[in-house]
N, C-alpha and C. Protein backbone atom coordinates (compact mmCIF):
# COMPACT_ATOMS: atom_id res chain seq x y z
N PHE A 1 11.19 0.12 136.81
CA PHE A 1 10.74 0.95 135.71
C PHE A 1 10.02 0.06 134.71
N VAL A 2 8.77 0.41 134.39
CA VAL A 2 7.95 -0.48 133.58
C VAL A 2 7.33 0.22 132.37
N PRO A 3 7.56 -0.35 131.17
CA PRO A 3 6.88 0.04 129.96
C PRO A 3 6.08 -1.17 129.49
N VAL A 4 5.78 -1.22 128.20
CA VAL A 4 5.06 -2.38 127.69
C VAL A 4 6.02 -3.50 127.29
N GLY A 5 7.21 -3.17 126.72
CA GLY A 5 8.06 -4.23 126.18
C GLY A 5 9.43 -4.41 126.81
N ASN A 6 9.92 -3.42 127.58
CA ASN A 6 11.19 -3.53 128.31
C ASN A 6 12.44 -3.60 127.42
N ILE A 7 12.38 -2.93 126.24
CA ILE A 7 13.60 -2.88 125.41
C ILE A 7 13.99 -1.45 125.01
N CYS A 8 13.13 -0.46 125.28
CA CYS A 8 13.46 0.92 124.89
C CYS A 8 13.49 1.86 126.09
N ARG A 9 12.30 2.25 126.56
CA ARG A 9 12.23 3.27 127.62
C ARG A 9 12.77 2.79 128.95
N SER A 10 12.35 1.61 129.39
CA SER A 10 12.72 1.19 130.75
C SER A 10 14.19 0.84 130.91
N PRO A 11 14.85 0.20 129.92
CA PRO A 11 16.29 -0.02 130.12
C PRO A 11 17.04 1.31 130.22
N ILE A 12 16.56 2.32 129.49
CA ILE A 12 17.18 3.65 129.57
C ILE A 12 16.97 4.20 130.98
N ALA A 13 15.72 4.17 131.45
CA ALA A 13 15.41 4.69 132.79
C ALA A 13 16.20 3.94 133.86
N GLU A 14 16.25 2.61 133.74
CA GLU A 14 16.96 1.79 134.73
C GLU A 14 18.45 2.15 134.76
N ALA A 15 19.06 2.24 133.57
CA ALA A 15 20.50 2.52 133.49
C ALA A 15 20.82 3.93 133.99
N VAL A 16 19.97 4.89 133.64
CA VAL A 16 20.16 6.28 134.08
C VAL A 16 20.06 6.35 135.61
N PHE A 17 19.03 5.72 136.16
CA PHE A 17 18.83 5.77 137.61
C PHE A 17 19.99 5.07 138.33
N ARG A 18 20.42 3.93 137.79
CA ARG A 18 21.53 3.20 138.42
C ARG A 18 22.78 4.07 138.44
N LYS A 19 23.04 4.81 137.35
CA LYS A 19 24.22 5.67 137.30
C LYS A 19 24.10 6.81 138.31
N LEU A 20 22.91 7.41 138.42
CA LEU A 20 22.70 8.49 139.39
C LEU A 20 22.94 7.98 140.81
N VAL A 21 22.42 6.79 141.10
CA VAL A 21 22.57 6.18 142.43
C VAL A 21 24.05 5.89 142.71
N THR A 22 24.76 5.36 141.71
CA THR A 22 26.18 5.05 141.85
C THR A 22 26.98 6.32 142.06
N ASP A 23 26.69 7.34 141.24
CA ASP A 23 27.40 8.62 141.37
C ASP A 23 27.19 9.25 142.74
N ALA A 24 26.01 9.03 143.31
CA ALA A 24 25.70 9.60 144.63
C ALA A 24 26.15 8.67 145.77
N LYS A 25 26.78 7.54 145.39
CA LYS A 25 27.27 6.55 146.35
C LYS A 25 26.14 6.00 147.24
N LEU A 26 25.01 5.71 146.60
CA LEU A 26 23.84 5.20 147.33
C LEU A 26 23.46 3.77 146.91
N GLU A 27 24.41 3.06 146.27
CA GLU A 27 24.08 1.72 145.76
C GLU A 27 23.51 0.80 146.84
N HIS A 28 24.01 0.95 148.07
CA HIS A 28 23.56 0.07 149.16
C HIS A 28 22.10 0.32 149.53
N LYS A 29 21.55 1.44 149.08
CA LYS A 29 20.16 1.77 149.46
C LYS A 29 19.14 1.41 148.39
N TRP A 30 19.60 1.13 147.18
CA TRP A 30 18.67 0.95 146.06
C TRP A 30 18.88 -0.37 145.34
N MET A 31 17.77 -1.03 145.03
CA MET A 31 17.78 -2.17 144.11
C MET A 31 17.00 -1.69 142.89
N THR A 32 17.68 -1.62 141.76
CA THR A 32 17.08 -1.04 140.56
C THR A 32 16.89 -2.11 139.50
N ASP A 33 15.72 -2.13 138.86
CA ASP A 33 15.46 -3.11 137.81
C ASP A 33 14.41 -2.54 136.88
N SER A 34 14.18 -3.24 135.77
CA SER A 34 13.07 -2.87 134.90
C SER A 34 12.45 -4.16 134.39
N ALA A 35 11.17 -4.08 134.06
CA ALA A 35 10.44 -5.25 133.56
C ALA A 35 9.27 -4.75 132.73
N ALA A 36 8.71 -5.66 131.93
CA ALA A 36 7.65 -5.28 131.01
C ALA A 36 6.28 -5.73 131.50
N VAL A 37 5.25 -5.03 131.03
CA VAL A 37 3.89 -5.47 131.27
C VAL A 37 3.64 -6.72 130.42
N SER A 38 4.11 -6.70 129.17
CA SER A 38 3.88 -7.82 128.24
C SER A 38 5.03 -8.82 128.31
N ASP A 39 4.85 -9.97 127.63
CA ASP A 39 5.93 -10.95 127.58
C ASP A 39 6.57 -11.00 126.19
N TRP A 40 6.34 -9.99 125.37
CA TRP A 40 6.80 -9.99 123.97
C TRP A 40 8.30 -10.18 123.82
N ASN A 41 9.08 -9.51 124.66
CA ASN A 41 10.53 -9.44 124.44
C ASN A 41 11.36 -10.16 125.48
N VAL A 42 10.74 -11.04 126.26
CA VAL A 42 11.45 -11.68 127.37
C VAL A 42 12.77 -12.28 126.89
N GLY A 43 13.85 -11.94 127.59
CA GLY A 43 15.17 -12.48 127.27
C GLY A 43 15.96 -11.67 126.25
N ARG A 44 15.29 -10.70 125.63
CA ARG A 44 15.98 -9.90 124.61
C ARG A 44 16.77 -8.76 125.23
N SER A 45 17.85 -8.38 124.55
CA SER A 45 18.61 -7.20 124.95
C SER A 45 17.83 -5.95 124.56
N PRO A 46 18.18 -4.80 125.15
CA PRO A 46 17.52 -3.55 124.75
C PRO A 46 17.72 -3.27 123.26
N ASP A 47 16.81 -2.49 122.70
CA ASP A 47 16.88 -2.02 121.31
C ASP A 47 18.27 -1.41 121.07
N SER A 48 18.85 -1.67 119.91
CA SER A 48 20.21 -1.17 119.62
C SER A 48 20.27 0.36 119.70
N ARG A 49 19.14 1.03 119.37
CA ARG A 49 19.13 2.50 119.45
C ARG A 49 19.16 2.97 120.90
N ALA A 50 18.53 2.20 121.80
CA ALA A 50 18.57 2.53 123.22
C ALA A 50 20.00 2.36 123.75
N LEU A 51 20.65 1.27 123.34
CA LEU A 51 22.03 1.01 123.77
C LEU A 51 22.97 2.09 123.25
N SER A 52 22.77 2.47 122.00
CA SER A 52 23.60 3.50 121.38
C SER A 52 23.42 4.84 122.08
N CYS A 53 22.17 5.18 122.40
CA CYS A 53 21.87 6.43 123.11
C CYS A 53 22.56 6.45 124.47
N LEU A 54 22.47 5.33 125.20
CA LEU A 54 23.11 5.25 126.52
C LEU A 54 24.62 5.36 126.39
N ARG A 55 25.20 4.66 125.41
CA ARG A 55 26.65 4.72 125.20
C ARG A 55 27.12 6.15 124.92
N ASN A 56 26.31 6.88 124.13
CA ASN A 56 26.65 8.28 123.84
C ASN A 56 26.75 9.12 125.11
N HIS A 57 26.08 8.66 126.18
CA HIS A 57 26.10 9.37 127.46
C HIS A 57 27.00 8.66 128.47
N GLY A 58 27.81 7.73 127.97
CA GLY A 58 28.77 7.05 128.84
C GLY A 58 28.16 6.05 129.79
N ILE A 59 27.02 5.46 129.41
CA ILE A 59 26.33 4.51 130.29
C ILE A 59 26.21 3.15 129.58
N GLU A 60 26.55 2.09 130.29
CA GLU A 60 26.40 0.72 129.75
C GLU A 60 25.28 0.02 130.50
N THR A 61 24.67 -0.96 129.84
CA THR A 61 23.70 -1.80 130.54
C THR A 61 23.78 -3.22 129.99
N ALA A 62 23.54 -4.18 130.85
CA ALA A 62 23.54 -5.59 130.43
C ALA A 62 22.14 -6.16 130.62
N HIS A 63 21.13 -5.29 130.65
CA HIS A 63 19.76 -5.72 130.95
C HIS A 63 19.22 -6.69 129.89
N LYS A 64 18.45 -7.67 130.36
CA LYS A 64 17.69 -8.55 129.47
C LYS A 64 16.22 -8.39 129.86
N ALA A 65 15.37 -8.24 128.86
CA ALA A 65 13.95 -7.99 129.11
C ALA A 65 13.32 -9.14 129.90
N ARG A 66 12.43 -8.76 130.82
CA ARG A 66 11.66 -9.74 131.57
C ARG A 66 10.27 -9.16 131.81
N GLN A 67 9.36 -10.01 132.25
CA GLN A 67 8.00 -9.56 132.54
C GLN A 67 7.84 -9.31 134.03
N VAL A 68 6.97 -8.37 134.37
CA VAL A 68 6.67 -8.07 135.77
C VAL A 68 6.10 -9.32 136.44
N THR A 69 6.55 -9.58 137.68
CA THR A 69 6.05 -10.74 138.42
C THR A 69 5.28 -10.26 139.67
N LYS A 70 4.55 -11.18 140.26
CA LYS A 70 3.84 -10.87 141.51
C LYS A 70 4.83 -10.42 142.58
N GLU A 71 6.01 -11.08 142.60
CA GLU A 71 7.03 -10.75 143.60
C GLU A 71 7.48 -9.30 143.48
N ASP A 72 7.48 -8.76 142.26
CA ASP A 72 7.90 -7.36 142.07
C ASP A 72 7.02 -6.43 142.91
N PHE A 73 5.73 -6.73 142.97
CA PHE A 73 4.80 -5.88 143.72
C PHE A 73 5.04 -5.99 145.22
N GLN A 74 5.61 -7.13 145.64
CA GLN A 74 5.86 -7.36 147.07
C GLN A 74 7.27 -6.93 147.48
N THR A 75 8.18 -6.82 146.50
CA THR A 75 9.59 -6.54 146.77
C THR A 75 9.93 -5.06 146.68
N PHE A 76 9.47 -4.45 145.59
CA PHE A 76 9.89 -3.07 145.32
C PHE A 76 9.00 -2.05 146.03
N ASP A 77 9.62 -0.95 146.47
CA ASP A 77 8.86 0.13 147.10
C ASP A 77 8.15 0.99 146.06
N TYR A 78 8.79 1.12 144.89
CA TYR A 78 8.22 1.94 143.81
C TYR A 78 8.24 1.16 142.52
N ILE A 79 7.15 1.26 141.77
CA ILE A 79 7.13 0.79 140.39
C ILE A 79 6.73 2.01 139.57
N LEU A 80 7.70 2.48 138.78
CA LEU A 80 7.51 3.71 138.01
C LEU A 80 7.30 3.34 136.55
N CYS A 81 6.18 3.80 135.98
CA CYS A 81 5.88 3.40 134.61
C CYS A 81 5.86 4.60 133.67
N MET A 82 5.73 4.30 132.38
CA MET A 82 5.99 5.28 131.33
C MET A 82 4.75 5.99 130.80
N ASP A 83 3.60 5.30 130.81
CA ASP A 83 2.39 5.93 130.27
C ASP A 83 1.13 5.38 130.95
N GLU A 84 -0.03 5.94 130.57
CA GLU A 84 -1.27 5.57 131.27
C GLU A 84 -1.65 4.12 131.07
N SER A 85 -1.34 3.58 129.90
CA SER A 85 -1.70 2.20 129.63
C SER A 85 -0.89 1.27 130.55
N ASN A 86 0.41 1.58 130.77
CA ASN A 86 1.21 0.80 131.72
C ASN A 86 0.62 0.91 133.13
N LEU A 87 0.21 2.13 133.47
CA LEU A 87 -0.33 2.40 134.81
C LEU A 87 -1.59 1.56 135.05
N ARG A 88 -2.49 1.55 134.06
CA ARG A 88 -3.72 0.75 134.16
C ARG A 88 -3.40 -0.72 134.33
N ASP A 89 -2.49 -1.24 133.47
CA ASP A 89 -2.14 -2.66 133.53
C ASP A 89 -1.53 -3.03 134.88
N LEU A 90 -0.64 -2.17 135.38
CA LEU A 90 0.03 -2.44 136.65
C LEU A 90 -0.95 -2.39 137.82
N ASN A 91 -1.86 -1.40 137.81
CA ASN A 91 -2.84 -1.32 138.88
C ASN A 91 -3.74 -2.55 138.88
N ARG A 92 -4.10 -3.01 137.67
CA ARG A 92 -4.93 -4.21 137.56
C ARG A 92 -4.16 -5.42 138.11
N LYS A 93 -2.90 -5.57 137.72
CA LYS A 93 -2.10 -6.71 138.21
C LYS A 93 -1.89 -6.63 139.72
N SER A 94 -1.67 -5.42 140.23
CA SER A 94 -1.38 -5.28 141.67
C SER A 94 -2.60 -5.66 142.52
N ASN A 95 -3.80 -5.50 141.95
CA ASN A 95 -5.02 -5.88 142.68
C ASN A 95 -5.10 -7.38 142.92
N GLN A 96 -4.32 -8.15 142.14
CA GLN A 96 -4.34 -9.61 142.29
C GLN A 96 -3.24 -10.08 143.24
N VAL A 97 -2.48 -9.13 143.78
CA VAL A 97 -1.37 -9.48 144.68
C VAL A 97 -1.78 -9.15 146.11
N LYS A 98 -1.69 -10.14 146.99
CA LYS A 98 -2.15 -9.96 148.38
C LYS A 98 -1.45 -8.80 149.09
N ASP A 99 -0.14 -8.90 149.24
CA ASP A 99 0.54 -7.88 150.05
C ASP A 99 1.41 -6.98 149.17
N CYS A 100 0.73 -6.25 148.28
CA CYS A 100 1.43 -5.32 147.39
C CYS A 100 1.94 -4.15 148.22
N LYS A 101 3.26 -3.94 148.22
CA LYS A 101 3.79 -2.80 148.97
C LYS A 101 4.26 -1.70 148.02
N ALA A 102 4.32 -2.01 146.73
CA ALA A 102 4.85 -1.04 145.76
C ALA A 102 3.89 0.12 145.53
N LYS A 103 4.46 1.30 145.49
CA LYS A 103 3.71 2.48 145.09
C LYS A 103 3.86 2.58 143.57
N ILE A 104 2.74 2.53 142.86
CA ILE A 104 2.77 2.52 141.40
C ILE A 104 2.43 3.92 140.89
N GLU A 105 3.35 4.49 140.14
CA GLU A 105 3.07 5.83 139.61
C GLU A 105 3.81 6.06 138.29
N LEU A 106 3.43 7.12 137.61
CA LEU A 106 4.10 7.50 136.36
C LEU A 106 5.43 8.15 136.70
N LEU A 107 6.49 7.70 136.04
CA LEU A 107 7.80 8.32 136.23
C LEU A 107 7.71 9.81 135.90
N GLY A 108 6.90 10.15 134.92
CA GLY A 108 6.74 11.54 134.48
C GLY A 108 6.17 12.48 135.52
N THR A 109 5.57 11.94 136.58
CA THR A 109 5.05 12.83 137.63
C THR A 109 6.20 13.57 138.32
N TYR A 110 7.43 13.06 138.16
CA TYR A 110 8.59 13.70 138.79
C TYR A 110 9.29 14.70 137.86
N ASP A 111 8.80 14.83 136.62
CA ASP A 111 9.48 15.69 135.65
C ASP A 111 9.28 17.16 135.98
N PRO A 112 10.39 17.88 136.24
CA PRO A 112 10.28 19.32 136.51
C PRO A 112 9.70 20.07 135.31
N GLN A 113 9.82 19.51 134.12
CA GLN A 113 9.25 20.15 132.93
C GLN A 113 7.83 19.69 132.64
N LYS A 114 7.27 18.89 133.56
CA LYS A 114 5.86 18.47 133.50
C LYS A 114 5.48 17.67 132.26
N GLN A 115 6.46 16.93 131.69
CA GLN A 115 6.13 16.01 130.59
C GLN A 115 5.71 14.70 131.25
N LEU A 116 4.40 14.52 131.40
CA LEU A 116 3.89 13.40 132.19
C LEU A 116 4.16 12.04 131.54
N ILE A 117 4.04 11.99 130.21
CA ILE A 117 4.15 10.71 129.50
C ILE A 117 5.50 10.59 128.81
N ILE A 118 6.13 9.45 128.98
CA ILE A 118 7.37 9.16 128.26
C ILE A 118 6.97 8.25 127.10
N GLU A 119 6.92 8.85 125.91
CA GLU A 119 6.40 8.15 124.72
C GLU A 119 7.38 7.06 124.27
N ASP A 120 6.81 5.97 123.75
CA ASP A 120 7.61 4.86 123.24
C ASP A 120 8.32 5.30 121.95
N PRO A 121 9.66 5.24 121.93
CA PRO A 121 10.40 5.69 120.74
C PRO A 121 10.60 4.59 119.70
N TYR A 122 10.03 3.41 119.93
CA TYR A 122 10.32 2.24 119.10
C TYR A 122 10.15 2.52 117.61
N TYR A 123 9.06 3.20 117.24
CA TYR A 123 8.81 3.47 115.81
C TYR A 123 9.41 4.80 115.37
N GLY A 124 10.20 5.40 116.24
CA GLY A 124 10.81 6.70 115.92
C GLY A 124 12.24 6.55 115.48
N ASN A 125 13.02 7.61 115.73
CA ASN A 125 14.43 7.59 115.31
C ASN A 125 15.32 7.91 116.51
N GLU A 126 16.62 8.11 116.24
CA GLU A 126 17.59 8.36 117.31
C GLU A 126 17.18 9.56 118.17
N LYS A 127 16.63 10.58 117.52
CA LYS A 127 16.22 11.79 118.24
C LYS A 127 15.16 11.46 119.29
N ASP A 128 14.26 10.55 118.96
CA ASP A 128 13.21 10.15 119.91
C ASP A 128 13.80 9.41 121.11
N PHE A 129 14.84 8.62 120.86
CA PHE A 129 15.52 7.93 121.97
C PHE A 129 16.24 8.95 122.87
N GLU A 130 16.81 9.96 122.24
CA GLU A 130 17.48 11.03 122.99
C GLU A 130 16.47 11.77 123.88
N THR A 131 15.28 12.02 123.34
CA THR A 131 14.21 12.66 124.11
C THR A 131 13.86 11.81 125.32
N VAL A 132 13.73 10.50 125.13
CA VAL A 132 13.43 9.58 126.23
C VAL A 132 14.54 9.66 127.28
N TYR A 133 15.79 9.65 126.82
CA TYR A 133 16.93 9.73 127.74
C TYR A 133 16.83 11.01 128.59
N GLU A 134 16.59 12.14 127.93
CA GLU A 134 16.53 13.43 128.65
C GLU A 134 15.38 13.44 129.66
N GLN A 135 14.22 12.90 129.25
CA GLN A 135 13.08 12.83 130.18
C GLN A 135 13.43 11.94 131.37
N CYS A 136 13.99 10.77 131.09
CA CYS A 136 14.35 9.83 132.17
C CYS A 136 15.35 10.46 133.12
N LEU A 137 16.33 11.17 132.57
CA LEU A 137 17.34 11.81 133.40
C LEU A 137 16.70 12.85 134.33
N ARG A 138 15.85 13.70 133.79
CA ARG A 138 15.17 14.72 134.62
C ARG A 138 14.32 14.06 135.70
N CYS A 139 13.52 13.08 135.29
CA CYS A 139 12.60 12.42 136.22
C CYS A 139 13.34 11.65 137.30
N CYS A 140 14.37 10.90 136.90
CA CYS A 140 15.13 10.08 137.85
C CYS A 140 15.87 10.95 138.87
N LYS A 141 16.42 12.07 138.39
CA LYS A 141 17.10 13.00 139.31
C LYS A 141 16.11 13.51 140.35
N ALA A 142 14.95 13.96 139.88
CA ALA A 142 13.94 14.52 140.78
C ALA A 142 13.41 13.44 141.73
N PHE A 143 13.18 12.24 141.21
CA PHE A 143 12.69 11.14 142.05
C PHE A 143 13.72 10.81 143.14
N LEU A 144 14.99 10.73 142.75
CA LEU A 144 16.04 10.39 143.71
C LEU A 144 16.14 11.45 144.79
N GLU A 145 16.06 12.73 144.41
CA GLU A 145 16.13 13.80 145.39
C GLU A 145 14.95 13.73 146.37
N LYS A 146 13.76 13.43 145.83
CA LYS A 146 12.56 13.41 146.66
C LYS A 146 12.56 12.22 147.62
N SER A 147 13.10 11.08 147.19
CA SER A 147 12.97 9.87 148.01
C SER A 147 14.27 9.52 148.71
N HIS A 148 15.17 10.45 148.79
CA HIS A 148 16.53 10.18 149.30
C HIS A 148 16.74 10.80 150.68
C-alpha cells in the first residue's frame, strides 16, 4: 500500500488488510507491507491520529515508514496506491525496474462506493482519518474477495 509519506493512509490500509487476512486465516498466502513514494518520513511511526483511529477499531500496528524499493516491484504481486500522483510516481519508478511483476493500481478502484481517491488526512482531523479507515476497509475487503 503506497501513499506519499507512509504515516497516515498506508499504515491504516496495511493494518486493515492484515487484520482481514488474519481473520480469514489466510496469513500464509499474503505478505502485506506499506511504503512511501517519498523519503520524508523514513523510520517514523504512523501519525498518532492514524494509530488512534486503528486502536478505536481494535487494530494495532508496529509499522515504521520506509520508501518503496526496486525489490518491491519485483517481490509484490500488487502495489495499491492512494491517489493519481502516487500512481504516476509508481508507474515512472516501475519503468526503471527490469522484471517488474507488480500490478500497480489505485486501491480505490476496488471501492464498492466508487470513491476512487483516498485523500490524505494529514492536514485534517480525526473525522478525516475515520473516513480513510472506512474507505480502506471497503476497498481491502473487496480486493481480498476478488483476489482470493
